Amino acid sequence: MKKFFLYLLRWQLSTPIIWLVIRNLGTGLFATITANFIGGCIFFWVDKIIFKSNKPEIWYLKKGNCDKCHQLGELYRLVKAENYDRTNSQPKFLCAKCSLEKLKNLNIKSIKIVPIQPNK
């Protein structure tokens, strides 16, 4: 909802640009195209900030034995996160405890460490 209100505010900020161009060039197709071009050049960057997505991390999950402690259960592999990409590396799947330990050691600020509740 916050992004929606920011977008509405941004939309209203384009009004002075359109008004100035149309006031100085008159009404018509050329003035409208010019106003939209100028607005697009400015507000492309504003929209990029408003709609910047926090790219979620990519995880692979499977059942088996942990590659670190060899515990049997649900395993997790962080594949991609901000400043972290193991897409082409040898996969290592870790249990919940070893995964949390690894995340703390990686110190990737974009990942919120939430305790993983194993299925009962």
PDB file of N, CA and C in Angstrom:
ATOM      1  N   MET A   1       0.823  -1.184   0.000  1.00  0.00           N
ATOM      2  CA  MET A   1       0.000   0.000   0.000  1.00  0.00           C
ATOM      3  C   MET A   1       0.877   1.261   0.000  1.00  0.00           C
ATOM      4  N   LYS A   2       2.038   1.171   0.696  1.00  0.00           N
ATOM      5  CA  LYS A   2       2.947   2.301   0.750  1.00  0.00           C
ATOM      6  C   LYS A   2       3.451   2.653  -0.660  1.00  0.00           C
ATOM      7  N   LYS A   3       3.784   1.626  -1.436  1.00  0.00           N
ATOM      8  CA  LYS A   3       4.264   1.860  -2.807  1.00  0.00           C
ATOM      9  C   LYS A   3       3.178   2.518  -3.649  1.00  0.00           C
ATOM     10  N   PHE A   4       1.934   2.141  -3.417  1.00  0.00           N
ATOM     11  CA  PHE A   4       0.820   2.719  -4.162  1.00  0.00           C
ATOM     12  C   PHE A   4       0.721   4.224  -3.892  1.00  0.00           C
ATOM     13  N   PHE A   5       0.808   4.620  -2.614  1.00  0.00           N
ATOM     14  CA  PHE A   5       0.718   6.043  -2.272  1.00  0.00           C
ATOM     15  C   PHE A   5       1.933   6.818  -2.789  1.00  0.00           C
ATOM     16  N   LEU A   6       3.102   6.206  -2.734  1.00  0.00           N
ATOM     17  CA  LEU A   6       4.282   6.852  -3.314  1.00  0.00           C
ATOM     18  C   LEU A   6       4.111   7.037  -4.820  1.00  0.00           C
ATOM     19  N   TYR A   7       3.531   6.035  -5.460  1.00  0.00           N
ATOM     20  CA  TYR A   7       3.310   6.123  -6.899  1.00  0.00           C
ATOM     21  C   TYR A   7       2.306   7.237  -7.224  1.00  0.00           C
ATOM     22  N   LEU A   8       1.229   7.354  -6.432  1.00  0.00           N
ATOM     23  CA  LEU A   8       0.259   8.436  -6.638  1.00  0.00           C
ATOM     24  C   LEU A   8       0.916   9.808  -6.453  1.00  0.00           C
ATOM     25  N   LEU A   9       1.762   9.922  -5.445  1.00  0.00           N
ATOM     26  CA  LEU A   9       2.484  11.175  -5.229  1.00  0.00           C
ATOM     27  C   LEU A   9       3.394  11.467  -6.412  1.00  0.00           C
ATOM     28  N   ARG A  10       4.113  10.479  -6.874  1.00  0.00           N
ATOM     29  CA  ARG A  10       4.992  10.621  -8.028  1.00  0.00           C
ATOM     30  C   ARG A  10       4.194  11.040  -9.256  1.00  0.00           C
ATOM     31  N   TRP A  11       3.017  10.470  -9.420  1.00  0.00           N
ATOM     32  CA  TRP A  11       2.172  10.814 -10.567  1.00  0.00           C
ATOM     33  C   TRP A  11       1.780  12.289 -10.512  1.00  0.00           C
ATOM     34  N   GLN A  12       1.465  12.776  -9.321  1.00  0.00           N
ATOM     35  CA  GLN A  12       1.105  14.185  -9.165  1.00  0.00           C
ATOM     36  C   GLN A  12       2.301  15.101  -9.399  1.00  0.00           C
ATOM     37  N   LEU A  13       3.494  14.624  -9.104  1.00  0.00           N
ATOM     38  CA  LEU A  13       4.695  15.427  -9.339  1.00  0.00           C
ATOM     39  C   LEU A  13       4.946  15.639 -10.834  1.00  0.00           C
ATOM     40  N   SER A  14       4.359  14.793 -11.659  1.00  0.00           N
ATOM     41  CA  SER A  14       4.530  14.974 -13.107  1.00  0.00           C
ATOM     42  C   SER A  14       3.633  16.099 -13.643  1.00  0.00           C
ATOM     43  N   THR A  15       2.632  16.516 -12.880  1.00  0.00           N
ATOM     44  CA  THR A  15       1.713  17.561 -13.317  1.00  0.00           C
ATOM     45  C   THR A  15       2.422  18.876 -13.649  1.00  0.00           C
ATOM     46  N   PRO A  16       3.329  19.382 -12.803  1.00  0.00           N
ATOM     47  CA  PRO A  16       3.998  20.639 -13.153  1.00  0.00           C
ATOM     48  C   PRO A  16       4.795  20.548 -14.467  1.00  0.00           C
ATOM     49  N   ILE A  17       5.399  19.402 -14.731  1.00  0.00           N
ATOM     50  CA  ILE A  17       6.163  19.242 -15.975  1.00  0.00           C
ATOM     51  C   ILE A  17       5.231  19.331 -17.179  1.00  0.00           C
ATOM     52  N   ILE A  18       4.142  18.596 -17.117  1.00  0.00           N
ATOM     53  CA  ILE A  18       3.183  18.624 -18.224  1.00  0.00           C
ATOM     54  C   ILE A  18       2.613  20.028 -18.396  1.00  0.00           C
ATOM     55  N   TRP A  19       2.276  20.678 -17.288  1.00  0.00           N
ATOM     56  CA  TRP A  19       1.705  22.037 -17.344  1.00  0.00           C
ATOM     57  C   TRP A  19       2.694  23.018 -17.973  1.00  0.00           C
ATOM     58  N   LEU A  20       3.965  22.963 -17.547  1.00  0.00           N
ATOM     59  CA  LEU A  20       4.973  23.881 -18.094  1.00  0.00           C
ATOM     60  C   LEU A  20       5.168  23.684 -19.595  1.00  0.00           C
ATOM     61  N   VAL A  21       5.263  22.440 -20.020  1.00  0.00           N
ATOM     62  CA  VAL A  21       5.486  22.176 -21.448  1.00  0.00           C
ATOM     63  C   VAL A  21       4.279  22.606 -22.267  1.00  0.00           C
ATOM     64  N   ILE A  22       3.094  22.238 -21.837  1.00  0.00           N
ATOM     65  CA  ILE A  22       1.893  22.579 -22.599  1.00  0.00           C
ATOM     66  C   ILE A  22       1.656  24.096 -22.575  1.00  0.00           C
ATOM     67  N   ARG A  23       1.965  24.747 -21.449  1.00  0.00           N
ATOM     68  CA  ARG A  23       1.816  26.201 -21.373  1.00  0.00           C
ATOM     69  C   ARG A  23       2.746  26.899 -22.359  1.00  0.00           C
ATOM     70  N   ASN A  24       3.974  26.378 -22.493  1.00  0.00           N
ATOM     71  CA  ASN A  24       4.960  27.031 -23.358  1.00  0.00           C
ATOM     72  C   ASN A  24       4.866  26.591 -24.823  1.00  0.00           C
ATOM     73  N   LEU A  25       4.442  25.352 -25.065  1.00  0.00           N
ATOM     74  CA  LEU A  25       4.356  24.863 -26.445  1.00  0.00           C
ATOM     75  C   LEU A  25       2.935  24.858 -26.986  1.00  0.00           C
ATOM     76  N   GLY A  26       1.964  25.072 -26.122  1.00  0.00           N
ATOM     77  CA  GLY A  26       0.573  25.007 -26.555  1.00  0.00           C
ATOM     78  C   GLY A  26       0.067  23.578 -26.470  1.00  0.00           C
ATOM     79  N   THR A  27      -1.208  23.423 -26.745  1.00  0.00           N
ATOM     80  CA  THR A  27      -1.777  22.086 -26.708  1.00  0.00           C
ATOM     81  C   THR A  27      -1.535  21.412 -28.049  1.00  0.00           C
ATOM     82  N   GLY A  28      -1.688  20.141 -28.060  1.00  0.00           N
ATOM     83  CA  GLY A  28      -1.503  19.419 -29.312  1.00  0.00           C
ATOM     84  C   GLY A  28      -0.631  18.188 -29.110  1.00  0.00           C
ATOM     85  N   LEU A  29      -0.513  17.423 -30.162  1.00  0.00           N
ATOM     86  CA  LEU A  29       0.212  16.154 -30.107  1.00  0.00           C
ATOM     87  C   LEU A  29       1.692  16.361 -29.797  1.00  0.00           C
ATOM     88  N   PHE A  30       2.349  17.314 -30.450  1.00  0.00           N
ATOM     89  CA  PHE A  30       3.773  17.539 -30.220  1.00  0.00           C
ATOM     90  C   PHE A  30       4.048  17.929 -28.770  1.00  0.00           C
ATOM     91  N   ALA A  31       3.237  18.807 -28.216  1.00  0.00           N
ATOM     92  CA  ALA A  31       3.417  19.243 -26.829  1.00  0.00           C
ATOM     93  C   ALA A  31       3.206  18.079 -25.863  1.00  0.00           C
ATOM     94  N   THR A  32       2.209  17.256 -26.143  1.00  0.00           N
ATOM     95  CA  THR A  32       1.927  16.107 -25.283  1.00  0.00           C
ATOM     96  C   THR A  32       3.077  15.106 -25.322  1.00  0.00           C
ATOM     97  N   ILE A  33       3.568  14.819 -26.525  1.00  0.00           N
ATOM     98  CA  ILE A  33       4.685  13.876 -26.668  1.00  0.00           C
ATOM     99  C   ILE A  33       5.929  14.427 -25.960  1.00  0.00           C
ATOM    100  N   THR A  34       6.200  15.710 -26.118  1.00  0.00           N
ATOM    101  CA  THR A  34       7.356  16.339 -25.475  1.00  0.00           C
ATOM    102  C   THR A  34       7.230  16.279 -23.959  1.00  0.00           C
ATOM    103  N   ALA A  35       6.063  16.595 -23.447  1.00  0.00           N
ATOM    104  CA  ALA A  35       5.837  16.555 -21.994  1.00  0.00           C
ATOM    105  C   ALA A  35       6.025  15.147 -21.449  1.00  0.00           C
ATOM    106  N   ASN A  36       5.477  14.166 -22.145  1.00  0.00           N
ATOM    107  CA  ASN A  36       5.632  12.777 -21.700  1.00  0.00           C
ATOM    108  C   ASN A  36       7.079  12.313 -21.796  1.00  0.00           C
ATOM    109  N   PHE A  37       7.806  12.770 -22.818  1.00  0.00           N
ATOM    110  CA  PHE A  37       9.215  12.406 -22.957  1.00  0.00           C
ATOM    111  C   PHE A  37      10.036  12.968 -21.798  1.00  0.00           C
ATOM    112  N   ILE A  38       9.825  14.242 -21.498  1.00  0.00           N
ATOM    113  CA  ILE A  38      10.556  14.869 -20.381  1.00  0.00           C
ATOM    114  C   ILE A  38      10.196  14.179 -19.063  1.00  0.00           C
ATOM    115  N   GLY A  39       8.905  13.956 -18.848  1.00  0.00           N
ATOM    116  CA  GLY A  39       8.465  13.265 -17.629  1.00  0.00           C
ATOM    117  C   GLY A  39       9.045  11.865 -17.532  1.00  0.00           C
ATOM    118  N   GLY A  40       9.077  11.158 -18.656  1.00  0.00           N
ATOM    119  CA  GLY A  40       9.642   9.808 -18.664  1.00  0.00           C
ATOM    120  C   GLY A  40      11.112   9.801 -18.314  1.00  0.00           C
ATOM    121  N   CYS A  41      11.854  10.796 -18.834  1.00  0.00           N
ATOM    122  CA  CYS A  41      13.295  10.896 -18.530  1.00  0.00           C
ATOM    123  C   CYS A  41      13.538  11.149 -17.045  1.00  0.00           C
ATOM    124  N   ILE A  42      12.654  11.893 -16.424  1.00  0.00           N
ATOM    125  CA  ILE A  42      12.815  12.201 -14.999  1.00  0.00           C
ATOM    126  C   ILE A  42      12.279  11.058 -14.132  1.00  0.00           C
ATOM    127  N   PHE A  43      11.064  10.635 -14.410  1.00  0.00           N
ATOM    128  CA  PHE A  43      10.392   9.729 -13.489  1.00  0.00           C
ATOM    129  C   PHE A  43      10.744   8.262 -13.682  1.00  0.00           C
ATOM    130  N   PHE A  44      11.489   7.935 -14.731  1.00  0.00           N
ATOM    131  CA  PHE A  44      12.020   6.577 -14.850  1.00  0.00           C
ATOM    132  C   PHE A  44      12.834   6.248 -13.605  1.00  0.00           C
ATOM    133  N   TRP A  45      13.660   7.207 -13.176  1.00  0.00           N
ATOM    134  CA  TRP A  45      14.540   6.989 -12.018  1.00  0.00           C
ATOM    135  C   TRP A  45      13.741   6.976 -10.715  1.00  0.00           C
ATOM    136  N   VAL A  46      12.727   7.808 -10.638  1.00  0.00           N
ATOM    137  CA  VAL A  46      11.880   7.826  -9.435  1.00  0.00           C
ATOM    138  C   VAL A  46      11.135   6.499  -9.309  1.00  0.00           C
ATOM    139  N   ASP A  47      10.564   6.020 -10.418  1.00  0.00           N
ATOM    140  CA  ASP A  47       9.846   4.743 -10.400  1.00  0.00           C
ATOM    141  C   ASP A  47      10.774   3.587 -10.045  1.00  0.00           C
ATOM    142  N   LYS A  48      12.001   3.664 -10.519  1.00  0.00           N
ATOM    143  CA  LYS A  48      12.968   2.609 -10.222  1.00  0.00           C
ATOM    144  C   LYS A  48      13.193   2.508  -8.712  1.00  0.00           C
ATOM    145  N   ILE A  49      13.231   3.656  -8.049  1.00  0.00           N
ATOM    146  CA  ILE A  49      13.405   3.669  -6.590  1.00  0.00           C
ATOM    147  C   ILE A  49      12.143   3.159  -5.904  1.00  0.00           C
ATOM    148  N   ILE A  50      10.973   3.627  -6.344  1.00  0.00           N
ATOM    149  CA  ILE A  50       9.717   3.226  -5.706  1.00  0.00           C
ATOM    150  C   ILE A  50       9.502   1.725  -5.835  1.00  0.00           C
ATOM    151  N   PHE A  51       9.750   1.194  -7.018  1.00  0.00           N
ATOM    152  CA  PHE A  51       9.428  -0.207  -7.270  1.00  0.00           C
ATOM    153  C   PHE A  51      10.635  -1.121  -7.195  1.00  0.00           C
ATOM    154  N   LYS A  52      11.688  -0.646  -6.538  1.00  0.00           N
ATOM    155  CA  LYS A  52      12.859  -1.489  -6.350  1.00  0.00           C
ATOM    156  C   LYS A  52      12.441  -2.718  -5.555  1.00  0.00           C
ATOM    157  N   SER A  53      12.684  -3.847  -6.130  1.00  0.00           N
ATOM    158  CA  SER A  53      12.278  -5.059  -5.431  1.00  0.00           C
ATOM    159  C   SER A  53      13.431  -5.591  -4.616  1.00  0.00           C
ATOM    160  N   ASN A  54      13.119  -6.054  -3.462  1.00  0.00           N
ATOM    161  CA  ASN A  54      14.109  -6.771  -2.679  1.00  0.00           C
ATOM    162  C   ASN A  54      14.108  -8.186  -3.211  1.00  0.00           C
ATOM    163  N   LYS A  55      15.108  -8.461  -4.003  1.00  0.00           N
ATOM    164  CA  LYS A  55      15.146  -9.763  -4.652  1.00  0.00           C
ATOM    165  C   LYS A  55      15.232 -10.855  -3.590  1.00  0.00           C
ATOM    166  N   PRO A  56      14.258 -11.736  -3.593  1.00  0.00           N
ATOM    167  CA  PRO A  56      14.289 -12.793  -2.583  1.00  0.00           C
ATOM    168  C   PRO A  56      15.400 -13.789  -2.888  1.00  0.00           C
ATOM    169  N   GLU A  57      15.862 -14.404  -1.853  1.00  0.00           N
ATOM    170  CA  GLU A  57      16.871 -15.423  -2.048  1.00  0.00           C
ATOM    171  C   GLU A  57      16.244 -16.675  -2.658  1.00  0.00           C
ATOM    172  N   ILE A  58      17.066 -17.499  -3.270  1.00  0.00           N
ATOM    173  CA  ILE A  58      16.598 -18.733  -3.895  1.00  0.00           C
ATOM    174  C   ILE A  58      17.144 -19.909  -3.091  1.00  0.00           C
ATOM    175  N   TRP A  59      16.246 -20.788  -2.683  1.00  0.00           N
ATOM    176  CA  TRP A  59      16.614 -21.957  -1.894  1.00  0.00           C
ATOM    177  C   TRP A  59      16.223 -23.218  -2.649  1.00  0.00           C
ATOM    178  N   TYR A  60      17.011 -24.259  -2.467  1.00  0.00           N
ATOM    179  CA  TYR A  60      16.626 -25.608  -2.906  1.00  0.00           C
ATOM    180  C   TYR A  60      16.407 -26.421  -1.643  1.00  0.00           C
ATOM    181  N   LEU A  61      15.381 -27.259  -1.665  1.00  0.00           N
ATOM    182  CA  LEU A  61      15.056 -28.097  -0.513  1.00  0.00           C
ATOM    183  C   LEU A  61      15.008 -29.551  -0.944  1.00  0.00           C
ATOM    184  N   LYS A  62      15.400 -30.436  -0.045  1.00  0.00           N
ATOM    185  CA  LYS A  62      15.261 -31.865  -0.307  1.00  0.00           C
ATOM    186  C   LYS A  62      15.368 -32.621   1.009  1.00  0.00           C
ATOM    187  N   LYS A  63      15.081 -33.900   0.971  1.00  0.00           N
ATOM    188  CA  LYS A  63      15.252 -34.761   2.153  1.00  0.00           C
ATOM    189  C   LYS A  63      16.481 -35.617   1.918  1.00  0.00           C
ATOM    190  N   GLY A  64      17.192 -35.887   3.010  1.00  0.00           N
ATOM    191  CA  GLY A  64      18.403 -36.708   2.910  1.00  0.00           C
ATOM    192  C   GLY A  64      19.307 -36.467   4.095  1.00  0.00           C
ATOM    193  N   ASN A  65      20.605 -36.716   3.902  1.00  0.00           N
ATOM    194  CA  ASN A  65      21.589 -36.533   4.966  1.00  0.00           C
ATOM    195  C   ASN A  65      22.334 -35.218   4.766  1.00  0.00           C
ATOM    196  N   CYS A  66      22.492 -34.490   5.857  1.00  0.00           N
ATOM    197  CA  CYS A  66      23.203 -33.212   5.841  1.00  0.00           C
ATOM    198  C   CYS A  66      24.643 -33.435   5.391  1.00  0.00           C
ATOM    199  N   ASP A  67      25.135 -32.592   4.495  1.00  0.00           N
ATOM    200  CA  ASP A  67      26.503 -32.722   4.006  1.00  0.00           C
ATOM    201  C   ASP A  67      27.539 -32.353   5.065  1.00  0.00           C
ATOM    202  N   LYS A  68      27.123 -31.723   6.149  1.00  0.00           N
ATOM    203  CA  LYS A  68      28.077 -31.335   7.193  1.00  0.00           C
ATOM    204  C   LYS A  68      28.027 -32.272   8.398  1.00  0.00           C
ATOM    205  N   CYS A  69      26.835 -32.423   8.976  1.00  0.00           N
ATOM    206  CA  CYS A  69      26.733 -33.243  10.197  1.00  0.00           C
ATOM    207  C   CYS A  69      26.124 -34.623   9.948  1.00  0.00           C
ATOM    208  N   HIS A  70      25.690 -34.878   8.731  1.00  0.00           N
ATOM    209  CA  HIS A  70      25.136 -36.161   8.277  1.00  0.00           C
ATOM    210  C   HIS A  70      23.813 -36.540   8.936  1.00  0.00           C
ATOM    211  N   GLN A  71      23.133 -35.582   9.562  1.00  0.00           N
ATOM    212  CA  GLN A  71      21.828 -35.836  10.165  1.00  0.00           C
ATOM    213  C   GLN A  71      20.806 -36.051   9.056  1.00  0.00           C
ATOM    214  N   LEU A  72      19.913 -37.006   9.235  1.00  0.00           N
ATOM    215  CA  LEU A  72      18.862 -37.308   8.264  1.00  0.00           C
ATOM    216  C   LEU A  72      17.681 -36.372   8.499  1.00  0.00           C
ATOM    217  N   GLY A  73      17.143 -35.805   7.414  1.00  0.00           N
ATOM    218  CA  GLY A  73      15.983 -34.935   7.553  1.00  0.00           C
ATOM    219  C   GLY A  73      15.833 -34.004   6.371  1.00  0.00           C
ATOM    220  N   GLU A  74      15.096 -32.894   6.586  1.00  0.00           N
ATOM    221  CA  GLU A  74      14.925 -31.898   5.540  1.00  0.00           C
ATOM    222  C   GLU A  74      16.200 -31.079   5.419  1.00  0.00           C
ATOM    223  N   LEU A  75      16.619 -30.853   4.180  1.00  0.00           N
ATOM    224  CA  LEU A  75      17.867 -30.162   3.923  1.00  0.00           C
ATOM    225  C   LEU A  75      17.610 -28.902   3.110  1.00  0.00           C
ATOM    226  N   TYR A  76      18.482 -27.926   3.264  1.00  0.00           N
ATOM    227  CA  TYR A  76      18.323 -26.628   2.640  1.00  0.00           C
ATOM    228  C   TYR A  76      19.626 -26.242   1.943  1.00  0.00           C
ATOM    229  N   ARG A  77      19.486 -25.585   0.800  1.00  0.00           N
ATOM    230  CA  ARG A  77      20.655 -25.064   0.087  1.00  0.00           C
ATOM    231  C   ARG A  77      20.342 -23.650  -0.383  1.00  0.00           C
ATOM    232  N   LEU A  78      21.095 -22.678   0.109  1.00  0.00           N
ATOM    233  CA  LEU A  78      20.961 -21.312  -0.374  1.00  0.00           C
ATOM    234  C   LEU A  78      21.718 -21.227  -1.694  1.00  0.00           C
ATOM    235  N   VAL A  79      20.991 -20.893  -2.759  1.00  0.00           N
ATOM    236  CA  VAL A  79      21.591 -20.840  -4.081  1.00  0.00           C
ATOM    237  C   VAL A  79      21.971 -19.418  -4.450  1.00  0.00           C
ATOM    238  N   LYS A  80      21.052 -18.492  -4.193  1.00  0.00           N
ATOM    239  CA  LYS A  80      21.299 -17.121  -4.631  1.00  0.00           C
ATOM    240  C   LYS A  80      20.686 -16.138  -3.646  1.00  0.00           C
ATOM    241  N   ALA A  81      21.455 -15.092  -3.346  1.00  0.00           N
ATOM    242  CA  ALA A  81      20.986 -13.989  -2.515  1.00  0.00           C
ATOM    243  C   ALA A  81      21.812 -12.774  -2.920  1.00  0.00           C
ATOM    244  N   GLU A  82      21.526 -11.650  -2.307  1.00  0.00           N
ATOM    245  CA  GLU A  82      22.281 -10.441  -2.622  1.00  0.00           C
ATOM    246  C   GLU A  82      23.763 -10.676  -2.308  1.00  0.00           C
ATOM    247  N   ASN A  83      24.622 -10.431  -3.276  1.00  0.00           N
ATOM    248  CA  ASN A  83      26.071 -10.632  -3.152  1.00  0.00           C
ATOM    249  C   ASN A  83      26.447 -12.083  -2.847  1.00  0.00           C
ATOM    250  N   TYR A  84      25.623 -13.015  -3.270  1.00  0.00           N
ATOM    251  CA  TYR A  84      25.889 -14.437  -3.039  1.00  0.00           C
ATOM    252  C   TYR A  84      25.268 -15.222  -4.177  1.00  0.00           C
ATOM    253  N   ASP A  85      26.081 -15.961  -4.923  1.00  0.00           N
ATOM    254  CA  ASP A  85      25.561 -16.753  -6.039  1.00  0.00           C
ATOM    255  C   ASP A  85      26.340 -18.054  -6.136  1.00  0.00           C
ATOM    256  N   ARG A  86      25.680 -19.153  -5.846  1.00  0.00           N
ATOM    257  CA  ARG A  86      26.293 -20.474  -5.932  1.00  0.00           C
ATOM    258  C   ARG A  86      25.564 -21.327  -6.972  1.00  0.00           C
ATOM    259  N   THR A  87      25.064 -20.654  -8.016  1.00  0.00           N
ATOM    260  CA  THR A  87      24.295 -21.343  -9.042  1.00  0.00           C
ATOM    261  C   THR A  87      25.112 -22.428  -9.724  1.00  0.00           C
ATOM    262  N   ASN A  88      26.374 -22.163  -9.984  1.00  0.00           N
ATOM    263  CA  ASN A  88      27.209 -23.106 -10.729  1.00  0.00           C
ATOM    264  C   ASN A  88      28.198 -23.869  -9.850  1.00  0.00           C
ATOM    265  N   SER A  89      27.998 -23.854  -8.554  1.00  0.00           N
ATOM    266  CA  SER A  89      28.926 -24.554  -7.662  1.00  0.00           C
ATOM    267  C   SER A  89      28.375 -25.926  -7.291  1.00  0.00           C
ATOM    268  N   GLN A  90      29.239 -26.735  -6.740  1.00  0.00           N
ATOM    269  CA  GLN A  90      28.847 -28.071  -6.283  1.00  0.00           C
ATOM    270  C   GLN A  90      27.815 -27.910  -5.161  1.00  0.00           C
ATOM    271  N   PRO A  91      26.618 -28.496  -5.317  1.00  0.00           N
ATOM    272  CA  PRO A  91      25.577 -28.298  -4.293  1.00  0.00           C
ATOM    273  C   PRO A  91      25.918 -28.971  -2.973  1.00  0.00           C
ATOM    274  N   LYS A  92      25.672 -28.230  -1.883  1.00  0.00           N
ATOM    275  CA  LYS A  92      25.802 -28.772  -0.532  1.00  0.00           C
ATOM    276  C   LYS A  92      24.507 -28.491   0.193  1.00  0.00           C
ATOM    277  N   PHE A  93      23.854 -29.531   0.648  1.00  0.00           N
ATOM    278  CA  PHE A  93      22.592 -29.411   1.361  1.00  0.00           C
ATOM    279  C   PHE A  93      22.853 -29.597   2.847  1.00  0.00           C
ATOM    280  N   LEU A  94      22.284 -28.676   3.642  1.00  0.00           N
ATOM    281  CA  LEU A  94      22.509 -28.681   5.080  1.00  0.00           C
ATOM    282  C   LEU A  94      21.188 -28.782   5.833  1.00  0.00           C
ATOM    283  N   CYS A  95      21.256 -29.375   7.023  1.00  0.00           N
ATOM    284  CA  CYS A  95      20.078 -29.437   7.895  1.00  0.00           C
ATOM    285  C   CYS A  95      19.785 -28.028   8.403  1.00  0.00           C
ATOM    286  N   ALA A  96      18.684 -27.881   9.123  1.00  0.00           N
ATOM    287  CA  ALA A  96      18.268 -26.563   9.609  1.00  0.00           C
ATOM    288  C   ALA A  96      19.328 -25.935  10.507  1.00  0.00           C
ATOM    289  N   LYS A  97      19.885 -26.704  11.396  1.00  0.00           N
ATOM    290  CA  LYS A  97      20.884 -26.181  12.334  1.00  0.00           C
ATOM    291  C   LYS A  97      22.145 -25.721  11.590  1.00  0.00           C
ATOM    292  N   CYS A  98      22.652 -26.544  10.684  1.00  0.00           N
ATOM    293  CA  CYS A  98      23.861 -26.184   9.934  1.00  0.00           C
ATOM    294  C   CYS A  98      23.593 -25.019   8.973  1.00  0.00           C
ATOM    295  N   SER A  99      22.372 -24.944   8.418  1.00  0.00           N
ATOM    296  CA  SER A  99      22.020 -23.839   7.527  1.00  0.00           C
ATOM    297  C   SER A  99      22.034 -22.515   8.276  1.00  0.00           C
ATOM    298  N   LEU A 100      21.437 -22.490   9.461  1.00  0.00           N
ATOM    299  CA  LEU A 100      21.429 -21.261  10.253  1.00  0.00           C
ATOM    300  C   LEU A 100      22.840 -20.841  10.638  1.00  0.00           C
ATOM    301  N   GLU A 101      23.663 -21.828  10.984  1.00  0.00           N
ATOM    302  CA  GLU A 101      25.062 -21.541  11.327  1.00  0.00           C
ATOM    303  C   GLU A 101      25.799 -20.933  10.125  1.00  0.00           C
ATOM    304  N   LYS A 102      25.576 -21.510   8.950  1.00  0.00           N
ATOM    305  CA  LYS A 102      26.227 -20.995   7.741  1.00  0.00           C
ATOM    306  C   LYS A 102      25.746 -19.579   7.421  1.00  0.00           C
ATOM    307  N   LEU A 103      24.441 -19.334   7.547  1.00  0.00           N
ATOM    308  CA  LEU A 103      23.909 -17.998   7.264  1.00  0.00           C
ATOM    309  C   LEU A 103      24.509 -16.951   8.192  1.00  0.00           C
ATOM    310  N   LYS A 104      24.663 -17.301   9.456  1.00  0.00           N
ATOM    311  CA  LYS A 104      25.263 -16.358  10.405  1.00  0.00           C
ATOM    312  C   LYS A 104      26.709 -16.071  10.015  1.00  0.00           C
ATOM    313  N   ASN A 105      27.428 -17.084   9.555  1.00  0.00           N
ATOM    314  CA  ASN A 105      28.817 -16.900   9.146  1.00  0.00           C
ATOM    315  C   ASN A 105      28.934 -16.106   7.849  1.00  0.00           C
ATOM    316  N   LEU A 106      27.965 -16.249   6.939  1.00  0.00           N
ATOM    317  CA  LEU A 106      27.998 -15.514   5.678  1.00  0.00           C
ATOM    318  C   LEU A 106      27.754 -14.025   5.885  1.00  0.00           C
ATOM    319  N   ASN A 107      26.968 -13.701   6.912  1.00  0.00           N
ATOM    320  CA  ASN A 107      26.662 -12.311   7.241  1.00  0.00           C
ATOM    321  C   ASN A 107      26.050 -11.565   6.052  1.00  0.00           C
ATOM    322  N   ILE A 108      25.099 -12.199   5.383  1.00  0.00           N
ATOM    323  CA  ILE A 108      24.382 -11.551   4.293  1.00  0.00           C
ATOM    324  C   ILE A 108      23.225 -10.794   4.916  1.00  0.00           C
ATOM    325  N   LYS A 109      23.265  -9.471   4.806  1.00  0.00           N
ATOM    326  CA  LYS A 109      22.291  -8.636   5.500  1.00  0.00           C
ATOM    327  C   LYS A 109      20.887  -8.709   4.911  1.00  0.00           C
ATOM    328  N   SER A 110      20.758  -9.123   3.652  1.00  0.00           N
ATOM    329  CA  SER A 110      19.439  -9.127   3.030  1.00  0.00           C
ATOM    330  C   SER A 110      18.587 -10.311   3.467  1.00  0.00           C
ATOM    331  N   ILE A 111      19.205 -11.315   4.089  1.00  0.00           N
ATOM    332  CA  ILE A 111      18.452 -12.504   4.495  1.00  0.00           C
ATOM    333  C   ILE A 111      18.061 -12.375   5.960  1.00  0.00           C
ATOM    334  N   LYS A 112      16.779 -12.520   6.190  1.00  0.00           N
ATOM    335  CA  LYS A 112      16.306 -12.532   7.565  1.00  0.00           C
ATOM    336  C   LYS A 112      16.410 -13.966   8.062  1.00  0.00           C
ATOM    337  N   ILE A 113      17.161 -14.172   9.110  1.00  0.00           N
ATOM    338  CA  ILE A 113      17.339 -15.516   9.639  1.00  0.00           C
ATOM    339  C   ILE A 113      16.152 -15.834  10.542  1.00  0.00           C
ATOM    340  N   VAL A 114      15.359 -16.785  10.085  1.00  0.00           N
ATOM    341  CA  VAL A 114      14.187 -17.220  10.823  1.00  0.00           C
ATOM    342  C   VAL A 114      14.390 -18.683  11.154  1.00  0.00           C
ATOM    343  N   PRO A 115      14.246 -19.049  12.415  1.00  0.00           N
ATOM    344  CA  PRO A 115      14.417 -20.462  12.749  1.00  0.00           C
ATOM    345  C   PRO A 115      13.502 -21.344  11.919  1.00  0.00           C
ATOM    346  N   ILE A 116      14.044 -22.391  11.374  1.00  0.00           N
ATOM    347  CA  ILE A 116      13.288 -23.312  10.524  1.00  0.00           C
ATOM    348  C   ILE A 116      12.648 -24.365  11.423  1.00  0.00           C
ATOM    349  N   GLN A 117      11.347 -24.504  11.295  1.00  0.00           N
ATOM    350  CA  GLN A 117      10.622 -25.490  12.091  1.00  0.00           C
ATOM    351  C   GLN A 117      10.524 -26.788  11.295  1.00  0.00           C
ATOM    352  N   PRO A 118      11.187 -27.833  11.736  1.00  0.00           N
ATOM    353  CA  PRO A 118      11.096 -29.089  10.985  1.00  0.00           C
ATOM    354  C   PRO A 118       9.686 -29.662  11.049  1.00  0.00           C
ATOM    355  N   ASN A 119       9.310 -30.375   9.989  1.00  0.00           N
ATOM    356  CA  ASN A 119       7.998 -31.036   9.978  1.00  0.00           C
ATOM    357  C   ASN A 119       7.988 -32.159  10.987  1.00  0.00           C
ATOM    358  N   LYS A 120       6.858 -32.324  11.645  1.00  0.00           N
ATOM    359  CA  LYS A 120       6.759 -33.382  12.668  1.00  0.00           C
ATOM    360  C   LYS A 120       6.121 -34.599  12.073  1.00  0.00           C
TER     361      LYS A 120
END
